[in-house]
């Protein structure tokens, strides 16, 4: 069973077959320094 944690014993996890590539971006430039963008690419394997 592909789940992890102390409560996984009462959880039946059935995968969708997902692979996820995440990139998150931050900037130090005025006007761009007070938000964070998280890009996620979800792959159906």
ModelCIF file with pLDDT and N, C-alpha, C, O atoms, coordinates in Angstrom:
data_MODEL
#
_entry.id   MODEL 
#
_entity.id                         1 
_entity.type                       polymer 
_entity.pdbx_number_of_molecules   1 
#
_entity_poly.entity_id                      1 
_entity_poly.type                           'polypeptide(L)' 
_entity_poly.nstd_linkage                   no 
_entity_poly.nstd_monomer                   no 
_entity_poly.pdbx_seq_one_letter_code       
;(UNK)(UNK)(UNK)(UNK)(UNK)(UNK)(UNK)(UNK)(UNK)(UNK)(UNK)(UNK)(UNK)(UNK)(UNK)(UNK)
(UNK)(UNK)(UNK)(UNK)(UNK)(UNK)(UNK)(UNK)(UNK)(UNK)(UNK)(UNK)(UNK)(UNK)(UNK)(UNK)
(UNK)(UNK)(UNK)(UNK)(UNK)(UNK)(UNK)(UNK)(UNK)(UNK)(UNK)(UNK)(UNK)
;
_entity_poly.pdbx_seq_one_letter_code_can   XXXXXXXXXXXXXXXXXXXXXXXXXXXXXXXXXXXXXXXXXXXXX 
_entity_poly.pdbx_strand_id                 A 
#
loop_
_entity_poly_seq.entity_id 
_entity_poly_seq.num 
_entity_poly_seq.mon_id 
_entity_poly_seq.hetero 
1 1  UNK n 
1 2  UNK n 
1 3  UNK n 
1 4  UNK n 
1 5  UNK n 
1 6  UNK n 
1 7  UNK n 
1 8  UNK n 
1 9  UNK n 
1 10 UNK n 
1 11 UNK n 
1 12 UNK n 
1 13 UNK n 
1 14 UNK n 
1 15 UNK n 
1 16 UNK n 
1 17 UNK n 
1 18 UNK n 
1 19 UNK n 
1 20 UNK n 
1 21 UNK n 
1 22 UNK n 
1 23 UNK n 
1 24 UNK n 
1 25 UNK n 
1 26 UNK n 
1 27 UNK n 
1 28 UNK n 
1 29 UNK n 
1 30 UNK n 
1 31 UNK n 
1 32 UNK n 
1 33 UNK n 
1 34 UNK n 
1 35 UNK n 
1 36 UNK n 
1 37 UNK n 
1 38 UNK n 
1 39 UNK n 
1 40 UNK n 
1 41 UNK n 
1 42 UNK n 
1 43 UNK n 
1 44 UNK n 
1 45 UNK n 
#
_struct_asym.id          A 
_struct_asym.entity_id   1 
#
loop_
_ma_qa_metric.id 
_ma_qa_metric.mode 
_ma_qa_metric.name 
_ma_qa_metric.software_group_id 
_ma_qa_metric.type 
1 global pLDDT . pLDDT 
2 local  pLDDT . pLDDT 
#
_ma_qa_metric_global.metric_id      1 
_ma_qa_metric_global.metric_value   93.82 
_ma_qa_metric_global.model_id       1 
_ma_qa_metric_global.ordinal_id     1 
#
loop_
_ma_qa_metric_local.label_asym_id 
_ma_qa_metric_local.label_comp_id 
_ma_qa_metric_local.label_seq_id 
_ma_qa_metric_local.metric_id 
_ma_qa_metric_local.metric_value 
_ma_qa_metric_local.model_id 
_ma_qa_metric_local.ordinal_id 
A UNK 1  2 90.00 1 1  
A UNK 2  2 91.00 1 2  
A UNK 3  2 93.00 1 3  
A UNK 4  2 91.00 1 4  
A UNK 5  2 87.00 1 5  
A UNK 6  2 86.00 1 6  
A UNK 7  2 85.00 1 7  
A UNK 8  2 85.00 1 8  
A UNK 9  2 82.00 1 9  
A UNK 10 2 84.00 1 10 
A UNK 11 2 87.00 1 11 
A UNK 12 2 91.00 1 12 
A UNK 13 2 94.00 1 13 
A UNK 14 2 96.00 1 14 
A UNK 15 2 97.00 1 15 
A UNK 16 2 98.00 1 16 
A UNK 17 2 98.00 1 17 
A UNK 18 2 98.00 1 18 
A UNK 19 2 98.00 1 19 
A UNK 20 2 98.00 1 20 
A UNK 21 2 98.00 1 21 
A UNK 22 2 98.00 1 22 
A UNK 23 2 98.00 1 23 
A UNK 24 2 98.00 1 24 
A UNK 25 2 98.00 1 25 
A UNK 26 2 96.00 1 26 
A UNK 27 2 94.00 1 27 
A UNK 28 2 91.00 1 28 
A UNK 29 2 91.00 1 29 
A UNK 30 2 90.00 1 30 
A UNK 31 2 90.00 1 31 
A UNK 32 2 93.00 1 32 
A UNK 33 2 92.00 1 33 
A UNK 34 2 91.00 1 34 
A UNK 35 2 96.00 1 35 
A UNK 36 2 97.00 1 36 
A UNK 37 2 98.00 1 37 
A UNK 38 2 98.00 1 38 
A UNK 39 2 98.00 1 39 
A UNK 40 2 98.00 1 40 
A UNK 41 2 98.00 1 41 
A UNK 42 2 98.00 1 42 
A UNK 43 2 98.00 1 43 
A UNK 44 2 98.00 1 44 
A UNK 45 2 98.00 1 45 
#
loop_
_atom_site.group_PDB 
_atom_site.id 
_atom_site.type_symbol 
_atom_site.label_atom_id 
_atom_site.label_alt_id 
_atom_site.label_comp_id 
_atom_site.label_asym_id 
_atom_site.label_entity_id 
_atom_site.label_seq_id 
_atom_site.pdbx_PDB_ins_code 
_atom_site.Cartn_x 
_atom_site.Cartn_y 
_atom_site.Cartn_z 
_atom_site.occupancy 
_atom_site.B_iso_or_equiv 
_atom_site.pdbx_formal_charge 
_atom_site.auth_seq_id 
_atom_site.auth_comp_id 
_atom_site.auth_asym_id 
_atom_site.auth_atom_id 
_atom_site.pdbx_PDB_model_num 
ATOM 1   N N  . UNK A 1 1  ? 0.841  -1.190 0.000   1.00 90.00 ? 1  UNK A N  1 
ATOM 2   C CA . UNK A 1 1  ? 0.000  0.000  0.000   1.00 90.00 ? 1  UNK A CA 1 
ATOM 3   C C  . UNK A 1 1  ? 0.876  1.241  0.000   1.00 90.00 ? 1  UNK A C  1 
ATOM 4   O O  . UNK A 1 1  ? 1.701  1.405  0.899   1.00 90.00 ? 1  UNK A O  1 
ATOM 5   N N  . UNK A 1 2  ? 0.721  2.117  -0.981  1.00 91.00 ? 2  UNK A N  1 
ATOM 6   C CA . UNK A 1 2  ? 1.638  3.247  -1.172  1.00 91.00 ? 2  UNK A CA 1 
ATOM 7   C C  . UNK A 1 2  ? 1.125  4.492  -0.441  1.00 91.00 ? 2  UNK A C  1 
ATOM 8   O O  . UNK A 1 2  ? 0.772  5.483  -1.080  1.00 91.00 ? 2  UNK A O  1 
ATOM 9   N N  . UNK A 1 3  ? 1.083  4.444  0.885   1.00 93.00 ? 3  UNK A N  1 
ATOM 10  C CA . UNK A 1 3  ? 0.857  5.635  1.690   1.00 93.00 ? 3  UNK A CA 1 
ATOM 11  C C  . UNK A 1 3  ? 1.725  5.533  2.932   1.00 93.00 ? 3  UNK A C  1 
ATOM 12  O O  . UNK A 1 3  ? 2.184  4.450  3.295   1.00 93.00 ? 3  UNK A O  1 
ATOM 13  N N  . UNK A 1 4  ? 1.946  6.675  3.584   1.00 91.00 ? 4  UNK A N  1 
ATOM 14  C CA . UNK A 1 4  ? 2.917  6.708  4.666   1.00 91.00 ? 4  UNK A CA 1 
ATOM 15  C C  . UNK A 1 4  ? 2.388  7.566  5.801   1.00 91.00 ? 4  UNK A C  1 
ATOM 16  O O  . UNK A 1 4  ? 1.793  8.619  5.571   1.00 91.00 ? 4  UNK A O  1 
ATOM 17  N N  . UNK A 1 5  ? 2.609  7.110  7.029   1.00 87.00 ? 5  UNK A N  1 
ATOM 18  C CA . UNK A 1 5  ? 2.187  7.868  8.191   1.00 87.00 ? 5  UNK A CA 1 
ATOM 19  C C  . UNK A 1 5  ? 1.547  6.964  9.223   1.00 87.00 ? 5  UNK A C  1 
ATOM 20  O O  . UNK A 1 5  ? 1.174  5.828  8.931   1.00 87.00 ? 5  UNK A O  1 
ATOM 21  N N  . UNK A 1 6  ? 1.426  7.482  10.430  1.00 86.00 ? 6  UNK A N  1 
ATOM 22  C CA . UNK A 1 6  ? 0.914  6.678  11.537  1.00 86.00 ? 6  UNK A CA 1 
ATOM 23  C C  . UNK A 1 6  ? -0.537 6.257  11.342  1.00 86.00 ? 6  UNK A C  1 
ATOM 24  O O  . UNK A 1 6  ? -0.974 5.270  11.932  1.00 86.00 ? 6  UNK A O  1 
ATOM 25  N N  . UNK A 1 7  ? -1.302 6.999  10.513  1.00 85.00 ? 7  UNK A N  1 
ATOM 26  C CA . UNK A 1 7  ? -2.707 6.670  10.298  1.00 85.00 ? 7  UNK A CA 1 
ATOM 27  C C  . UNK A 1 7  ? -2.941 5.865  9.030   1.00 85.00 ? 7  UNK A C  1 
ATOM 28  O O  . UNK A 1 7  ? -4.091 5.639  8.654   1.00 85.00 ? 7  UNK A O  1 
ATOM 29  N N  . UNK A 1 8  ? -1.882 5.427  8.362   1.00 85.00 ? 8  UNK A N  1 
ATOM 30  C CA . UNK A 1 8  ? -2.059 4.711  7.099   1.00 85.00 ? 8  UNK A CA 1 
ATOM 31  C C  . UNK A 1 8  ? -2.683 3.330  7.299   1.00 85.00 ? 8  UNK A C  1 
ATOM 32  O O  . UNK A 1 8  ? -3.184 2.738  6.342   1.00 85.00 ? 8  UNK A O  1 
ATOM 33  N N  . UNK A 1 9  ? -2.660 2.814  8.514   1.00 82.00 ? 9  UNK A N  1 
ATOM 34  C CA . UNK A 1 9  ? -3.183 1.468  8.750   1.00 82.00 ? 9  UNK A CA 1 
ATOM 35  C C  . UNK A 1 9  ? -4.689 1.402  8.512   1.00 82.00 ? 9  UNK A C  1 
ATOM 36  O O  . UNK A 1 9  ? -5.200 0.328  8.194   1.00 82.00 ? 9  UNK A O  1 
ATOM 37  N N  . UNK A 1 10 ? -5.429 2.523  8.654   1.00 84.00 ? 10 UNK A N  1 
ATOM 38  C CA . UNK A 1 10 ? -6.874 2.473  8.428   1.00 84.00 ? 10 UNK A CA 1 
ATOM 39  C C  . UNK A 1 10 ? -7.249 3.118  7.085   1.00 84.00 ? 10 UNK A C  1 
ATOM 40  O O  . UNK A 1 10 ? -8.414 3.442  6.854   1.00 84.00 ? 10 UNK A O  1 
ATOM 41  N N  . UNK A 1 11 ? -6.281 3.298  6.225   1.00 87.00 ? 11 UNK A N  1 
ATOM 42  C CA . UNK A 1 11 ? -6.535 3.917  4.923   1.00 87.00 ? 11 UNK A CA 1 
ATOM 43  C C  . UNK A 1 11 ? -6.184 2.931  3.813   1.00 87.00 ? 11 UNK A C  1 
ATOM 44  O O  . UNK A 1 11 ? -5.099 2.349  3.818   1.00 87.00 ? 11 UNK A O  1 
ATOM 45  N N  . UNK A 1 12 ? -7.094 2.743  2.869   1.00 91.00 ? 12 UNK A N  1 
ATOM 46  C CA . UNK A 1 12 ? -6.808 1.961  1.676   1.00 91.00 ? 12 UNK A CA 1 
ATOM 47  C C  . UNK A 1 12 ? -6.535 2.925  0.536   1.00 91.00 ? 12 UNK A C  1 
ATOM 48  O O  . UNK A 1 12 ? -7.456 3.521  -0.022  1.00 91.00 ? 12 UNK A O  1 
ATOM 49  N N  . UNK A 1 13 ? -5.262 3.072  0.195   1.00 94.00 ? 13 UNK A N  1 
ATOM 50  C CA . UNK A 1 13 ? -4.906 4.022  -0.859  1.00 94.00 ? 13 UNK A CA 1 
ATOM 51  C C  . UNK A 1 13 ? -4.776 3.288  -2.185  1.00 94.00 ? 13 UNK A C  1 
ATOM 52  O O  . UNK A 1 13 ? -3.957 2.380  -2.322  1.00 94.00 ? 13 UNK A O  1 
ATOM 53  N N  . UNK A 1 14 ? -5.590 3.686  -3.163  1.00 96.00 ? 14 UNK A N  1 
ATOM 54  C CA . UNK A 1 14 ? -5.544 3.108  -4.507  1.00 96.00 ? 14 UNK A CA 1 
ATOM 55  C C  . UNK A 1 14 ? -5.003 4.174  -5.447  1.00 96.00 ? 14 UNK A C  1 
ATOM 56  O O  . UNK A 1 14 ? -5.669 5.189  -5.649  1.00 96.00 ? 14 UNK A O  1 
ATOM 57  N N  . UNK A 1 15 ? -3.832 3.987  -6.026  1.00 97.00 ? 15 UNK A N  1 
ATOM 58  C CA . UNK A 1 15 ? -3.203 5.050  -6.829  1.00 97.00 ? 15 UNK A CA 1 
ATOM 59  C C  . UNK A 1 15 ? -3.952 5.311  -8.130  1.00 97.00 ? 15 UNK A C  1 
ATOM 60  O O  . UNK A 1 15 ? -4.594 4.426  -8.695  1.00 97.00 ? 15 UNK A O  1 
ATOM 61  N N  . UNK A 1 16 ? -3.848 6.553  -8.584  1.00 98.00 ? 16 UNK A N  1 
ATOM 62  C CA . UNK A 1 16 ? -4.322 6.930  -9.908  1.00 98.00 ? 16 UNK A CA 1 
ATOM 63  C C  . UNK A 1 16 ? -3.244 6.717  -10.966 1.00 98.00 ? 16 UNK A C  1 
ATOM 64  O O  . UNK A 1 16 ? -3.529 6.738  -12.163 1.00 98.00 ? 16 UNK A O  1 
ATOM 65  N N  . UNK A 1 17 ? -1.997 6.510  -10.515 1.00 98.00 ? 17 UNK A N  1 
ATOM 66  C CA . UNK A 1 17 ? -0.878 6.405  -11.451 1.00 98.00 ? 17 UNK A CA 1 
ATOM 67  C C  . UNK A 1 17 ? -0.325 7.749  -11.825 1.00 98.00 ? 17 UNK A C  1 
ATOM 68  O O  . UNK A 1 17 ? -0.046 8.009  -12.996 1.00 98.00 ? 17 UNK A O  1 
ATOM 69  N N  . UNK A 1 18 ? -0.159 8.630  -10.820 1.00 98.00 ? 18 UNK A N  1 
ATOM 70  C CA . UNK A 1 18 ? 0.273  10.007 -11.059 1.00 98.00 ? 18 UNK A CA 1 
ATOM 71  C C  . UNK A 1 18 ? 1.766  10.175 -10.800 1.00 98.00 ? 18 UNK A C  1 
ATOM 72  O O  . UNK A 1 18 ? 2.288  9.707  -9.788  1.00 98.00 ? 18 UNK A O  1 
ATOM 73  N N  . UNK A 1 19 ? 2.439  10.840 -11.716 1.00 98.00 ? 19 UNK A N  1 
ATOM 74  C CA . UNK A 1 19 ? 3.785  11.353 -11.480 1.00 98.00 ? 19 UNK A CA 1 
ATOM 75  C C  . UNK A 1 19 ? 3.692  12.862 -11.596 1.00 98.00 ? 19 UNK A C  1 
ATOM 76  O O  . UNK A 1 19 ? 3.129  13.374 -12.565 1.00 98.00 ? 19 UNK A O  1 
ATOM 77  N N  . UNK A 1 20 ? 4.234  13.582 -10.627 1.00 98.00 ? 20 UNK A N  1 
ATOM 78  C CA . UNK A 1 20 ? 4.091  15.041 -10.597 1.00 98.00 ? 20 UNK A CA 1 
ATOM 79  C C  . UNK A 1 20 ? 5.469  15.691 -10.544 1.00 98.00 ? 20 UNK A C  1 
ATOM 80  O O  . UNK A 1 20 ? 6.289  15.380 -9.681  1.00 98.00 ? 20 UNK A O  1 
ATOM 81  N N  . UNK A 1 21 ? 5.701  16.592 -11.478 1.00 98.00 ? 21 UNK A N  1 
ATOM 82  C CA . UNK A 1 21 ? 6.916  17.407 -11.517 1.00 98.00 ? 21 UNK A CA 1 
ATOM 83  C C  . UNK A 1 21 ? 6.515  18.810 -11.088 1.00 98.00 ? 21 UNK A C  1 
ATOM 84  O O  . UNK A 1 21 ? 5.739  19.481 -11.769 1.00 98.00 ? 21 UNK A O  1 
ATOM 85  N N  . UNK A 1 22 ? 7.053  19.251 -9.946  1.00 98.00 ? 22 UNK A N  1 
ATOM 86  C CA . UNK A 1 22 ? 6.710  20.566 -9.414  1.00 98.00 ? 22 UNK A CA 1 
ATOM 87  C C  . UNK A 1 22 ? 7.905  21.502 -9.472  1.00 98.00 ? 22 UNK A C  1 
ATOM 88  O O  . UNK A 1 22 ? 9.012  21.131 -9.082  1.00 98.00 ? 22 UNK A O  1 
ATOM 89  N N  . UNK A 1 23 ? 7.679  22.719 -9.962  1.00 98.00 ? 23 UNK A N  1 
ATOM 90  C CA . UNK A 1 23 ? 8.645  23.803 -9.873  1.00 98.00 ? 23 UNK A CA 1 
ATOM 91  C C  . UNK A 1 23 ? 7.957  24.980 -9.194  1.00 98.00 ? 23 UNK A C  1 
ATOM 92  O O  . UNK A 1 23 ? 6.840  25.342 -9.565  1.00 98.00 ? 23 UNK A O  1 
ATOM 93  N N  . UNK A 1 24 ? 8.608  25.575 -8.210  1.00 98.00 ? 24 UNK A N  1 
ATOM 94  C CA . UNK A 1 24 ? 8.071  26.774 -7.580  1.00 98.00 ? 24 UNK A CA 1 
ATOM 95  C C  . UNK A 1 24 ? 9.073  27.911 -7.751  1.00 98.00 ? 24 UNK A C  1 
ATOM 96  O O  . UNK A 1 24 ? 10.286 27.708 -7.710  1.00 98.00 ? 24 UNK A O  1 
ATOM 97  N N  . UNK A 1 25 ? 8.528  29.114 -7.943  1.00 98.00 ? 25 UNK A N  1 
ATOM 98  C CA . UNK A 1 25 ? 9.350  30.250 -8.343  1.00 98.00 ? 25 UNK A CA 1 
ATOM 99  C C  . UNK A 1 25 ? 9.194  31.411 -7.361  1.00 98.00 ? 25 UNK A C  1 
ATOM 100 O O  . UNK A 1 25 ? 8.095  31.707 -6.893  1.00 98.00 ? 25 UNK A O  1 
ATOM 101 N N  . UNK A 1 26 ? 10.320 32.061 -7.061  1.00 96.00 ? 26 UNK A N  1 
ATOM 102 C CA . UNK A 1 26 ? 10.320 33.269 -6.236  1.00 96.00 ? 26 UNK A CA 1 
ATOM 103 C C  . UNK A 1 26 ? 11.272 34.275 -6.864  1.00 96.00 ? 26 UNK A C  1 
ATOM 104 O O  . UNK A 1 26 ? 12.227 33.911 -7.550  1.00 96.00 ? 26 UNK A O  1 
ATOM 105 N N  . UNK A 1 27 ? 10.986 35.553 -6.614  1.00 94.00 ? 27 UNK A N  1 
ATOM 106 C CA . UNK A 1 27 ? 11.775 36.646 -7.172  1.00 94.00 ? 27 UNK A CA 1 
ATOM 107 C C  . UNK A 1 27 ? 12.118 37.656 -6.074  1.00 94.00 ? 27 UNK A C  1 
ATOM 108 O O  . UNK A 1 27 ? 11.373 37.813 -5.107  1.00 94.00 ? 27 UNK A O  1 
ATOM 109 N N  . UNK A 1 28 ? 13.245 38.332 -6.236  1.00 91.00 ? 28 UNK A N  1 
ATOM 110 C CA . UNK A 1 28 ? 13.658 39.337 -5.261  1.00 91.00 ? 28 UNK A CA 1 
ATOM 111 C C  . UNK A 1 28 ? 13.492 40.750 -5.800  1.00 91.00 ? 28 UNK A C  1 
ATOM 112 O O  . UNK A 1 28 ? 14.013 41.699 -5.215  1.00 91.00 ? 28 UNK A O  1 
ATOM 113 N N  . UNK A 1 29 ? 12.774 40.902 -6.906  1.00 91.00 ? 29 UNK A N  1 
ATOM 114 C CA . UNK A 1 29 ? 12.609 42.187 -7.557  1.00 91.00 ? 29 UNK A CA 1 
ATOM 115 C C  . UNK A 1 29 ? 11.343 42.877 -7.059  1.00 91.00 ? 29 UNK A C  1 
ATOM 116 O O  . UNK A 1 29 ? 10.318 42.232 -6.839  1.00 91.00 ? 29 UNK A O  1 
ATOM 117 N N  . UNK A 1 30 ? 11.425 44.186 -6.884  1.00 90.00 ? 30 UNK A N  1 
ATOM 118 C CA . UNK A 1 30 ? 10.297 44.976 -6.406  1.00 90.00 ? 30 UNK A CA 1 
ATOM 119 C C  . UNK A 1 30 ? 9.048  44.711 -7.257  1.00 90.00 ? 30 UNK A C  1 
ATOM 120 O O  . UNK A 1 30 ? 9.102  44.759 -8.486  1.00 90.00 ? 30 UNK A O  1 
ATOM 121 N N  . UNK A 1 31 ? 7.924  44.431 -6.585  1.00 90.00 ? 31 UNK A N  1 
ATOM 122 C CA . UNK A 1 31 ? 6.691  44.141 -7.275  1.00 90.00 ? 31 UNK A CA 1 
ATOM 123 C C  . UNK A 1 31 ? 6.490  42.668 -7.585  1.00 90.00 ? 31 UNK A C  1 
ATOM 124 O O  . UNK A 1 31 ? 5.387  42.251 -7.938  1.00 90.00 ? 31 UNK A O  1 
ATOM 125 N N  . UNK A 1 32 ? 7.554  41.874 -7.456  1.00 93.00 ? 32 UNK A N  1 
ATOM 126 C CA . UNK A 1 32 ? 7.479  40.438 -7.715  1.00 93.00 ? 32 UNK A CA 1 
ATOM 127 C C  . UNK A 1 32 ? 7.902  39.627 -6.492  1.00 93.00 ? 32 UNK A C  1 
ATOM 128 O O  . UNK A 1 32 ? 8.025  38.405 -6.570  1.00 93.00 ? 32 UNK A O  1 
ATOM 129 N N  . UNK A 1 33 ? 8.120  40.289 -5.388  1.00 92.00 ? 33 UNK A N  1 
ATOM 130 C CA . UNK A 1 33 ? 8.732  39.635 -4.223  1.00 92.00 ? 33 UNK A CA 1 
ATOM 131 C C  . UNK A 1 33 ? 7.731  39.204 -3.163  1.00 92.00 ? 33 UNK A C  1 
ATOM 132 O O  . UNK A 1 33 ? 8.123  38.654 -2.134  1.00 92.00 ? 33 UNK A O  1 
ATOM 133 N N  . UNK A 1 34 ? 6.427  39.448 -3.398  1.00 91.00 ? 34 UNK A N  1 
ATOM 134 C CA . UNK A 1 34 ? 5.442  39.131 -2.360  1.00 91.00 ? 34 UNK A CA 1 
ATOM 135 C C  . UNK A 1 34 ? 4.439  38.086 -2.823  1.00 91.00 ? 34 UNK A C  1 
ATOM 136 O O  . UNK A 1 34 ? 3.307  38.061 -2.341  1.00 91.00 ? 34 UNK A O  1 
ATOM 137 N N  . UNK A 1 35 ? 4.843  37.217 -3.761  1.00 96.00 ? 35 UNK A N  1 
ATOM 138 C CA . UNK A 1 35 ? 4.033  36.067 -4.128  1.00 96.00 ? 35 UNK A CA 1 
ATOM 139 C C  . UNK A 1 35 ? 4.949  34.946 -4.585  1.00 96.00 ? 35 UNK A C  1 
ATOM 140 O O  . UNK A 1 35 ? 6.085  35.188 -4.994  1.00 96.00 ? 35 UNK A O  1 
ATOM 141 N N  . UNK A 1 36 ? 4.455  33.723 -4.515  1.00 97.00 ? 36 UNK A N  1 
ATOM 142 C CA . UNK A 1 36 ? 5.191  32.540 -4.959  1.00 97.00 ? 36 UNK A CA 1 
ATOM 143 C C  . UNK A 1 36 ? 4.300  31.760 -5.915  1.00 97.00 ? 36 UNK A C  1 
ATOM 144 O O  . UNK A 1 36 ? 3.148  31.464 -5.598  1.00 97.00 ? 36 UNK A O  1 
ATOM 145 N N  . UNK A 1 37 ? 4.833  31.430 -7.077  1.00 98.00 ? 37 UNK A N  1 
ATOM 146 C CA . UNK A 1 37 ? 4.109  30.673 -8.098  1.00 98.00 ? 37 UNK A CA 1 
ATOM 147 C C  . UNK A 1 37 ? 4.590  29.226 -8.067  1.00 98.00 ? 37 UNK A C  1 
ATOM 148 O O  . UNK A 1 37 ? 5.793  28.967 -8.102  1.00 98.00 ? 37 UNK A O  1 
ATOM 149 N N  . UNK A 1 38 ? 3.654  28.290 -8.001  1.00 98.00 ? 38 UNK A N  1 
ATOM 150 C CA . UNK A 1 38 ? 3.964  26.861 -7.963  1.00 98.00 ? 38 UNK A CA 1 
ATOM 151 C C  . UNK A 1 38 ? 3.407  26.221 -9.234  1.00 98.00 ? 38 UNK A C  1 
ATOM 152 O O  . UNK A 1 38 ? 2.191  26.156 -9.420  1.00 98.00 ? 38 UNK A O  1 
ATOM 153 N N  . UNK A 1 39 ? 4.286  25.755 -10.095 1.00 98.00 ? 39 UNK A N  1 
ATOM 154 C CA . UNK A 1 39 ? 3.886  25.097 -11.338 1.00 98.00 ? 39 UNK A CA 1 
ATOM 155 C C  . UNK A 1 39 ? 3.912  23.583 -11.135 1.00 98.00 ? 39 UNK A C  1 
ATOM 156 O O  . UNK A 1 39 ? 4.906  23.028 -10.667 1.00 98.00 ? 39 UNK A O  1 
ATOM 157 N N  . UNK A 1 40 ? 2.822  22.931 -11.489 1.00 98.00 ? 40 UNK A N  1 
ATOM 158 C CA . UNK A 1 40 ? 2.714  21.481 -11.343 1.00 98.00 ? 40 UNK A CA 1 
ATOM 159 C C  . UNK A 1 40 ? 2.377  20.863 -12.693 1.00 98.00 ? 40 UNK A C  1 
ATOM 160 O O  . UNK A 1 40 ? 1.434  21.293 -13.358 1.00 98.00 ? 40 UNK A O  1 
ATOM 161 N N  . UNK A 1 41 ? 3.138  19.863 -13.097 1.00 98.00 ? 41 UNK A N  1 
ATOM 162 C CA . UNK A 1 41 ? 2.822  19.088 -14.288 1.00 98.00 ? 41 UNK A CA 1 
ATOM 163 C C  . UNK A 1 41 ? 2.428  17.689 -13.823 1.00 98.00 ? 41 UNK A C  1 
ATOM 164 O O  . UNK A 1 41 ? 3.251  16.960 -13.269 1.00 98.00 ? 41 UNK A O  1 
ATOM 165 N N  . UNK A 1 42 ? 1.151  17.313 -14.052 1.00 98.00 ? 42 UNK A N  1 
ATOM 166 C CA . UNK A 1 42 ? 0.632  16.018 -13.641 1.00 98.00 ? 42 UNK A CA 1 
ATOM 167 C C  . UNK A 1 42 ? 0.702  15.075 -14.830 1.00 98.00 ? 42 UNK A C  1 
ATOM 168 O O  . UNK A 1 42 ? 0.127  15.358 -15.881 1.00 98.00 ? 42 UNK A O  1 
ATOM 169 N N  . UNK A 1 43 ? 1.395  13.965 -14.677 1.00 98.00 ? 43 UNK A N  1 
ATOM 170 C CA . UNK A 1 43 ? 1.539  12.963 -15.732 1.00 98.00 ? 43 UNK A CA 1 
ATOM 171 C C  . UNK A 1 43 ? 0.644  11.763 -15.437 1.00 98.00 ? 43 UNK A C  1 
ATOM 172 O O  . UNK A 1 43 ? 0.680  11.205 -14.340 1.00 98.00 ? 43 UNK A O  1 
ATOM 173 N N  . UNK A 1 44 ? -0.148 11.377 -16.415 1.00 98.00 ? 44 UNK A N  1 
ATOM 174 C CA . UNK A 1 44 ? -0.877 10.109 -16.360 1.00 98.00 ? 44 UNK A CA 1 
ATOM 175 C C  . UNK A 1 44 ? 0.065  9.047  -16.886 1.00 98.00 ? 44 UNK A C  1 
ATOM 176 O O  . UNK A 1 44 ? 0.334  9.001  -18.086 1.00 98.00 ? 44 UNK A O  1 
ATOM 177 N N  . UNK A 1 45 ? 0.576  8.187  -16.006 1.00 98.00 ? 45 UNK A N  1 
ATOM 178 C CA . UNK A 1 45 ? 1.617  7.233  -16.394 1.00 98.00 ? 45 UNK A CA 1 
ATOM 179 C C  . UNK A 1 45 ? 1.059  5.983  -17.075 1.00 98.00 ? 45 UNK A C  1 
ATOM 180 O O  . UNK A 1 45 ? 1.821  5.095  -17.455 1.00 98.00 ? 45 UNK A O  1 
#
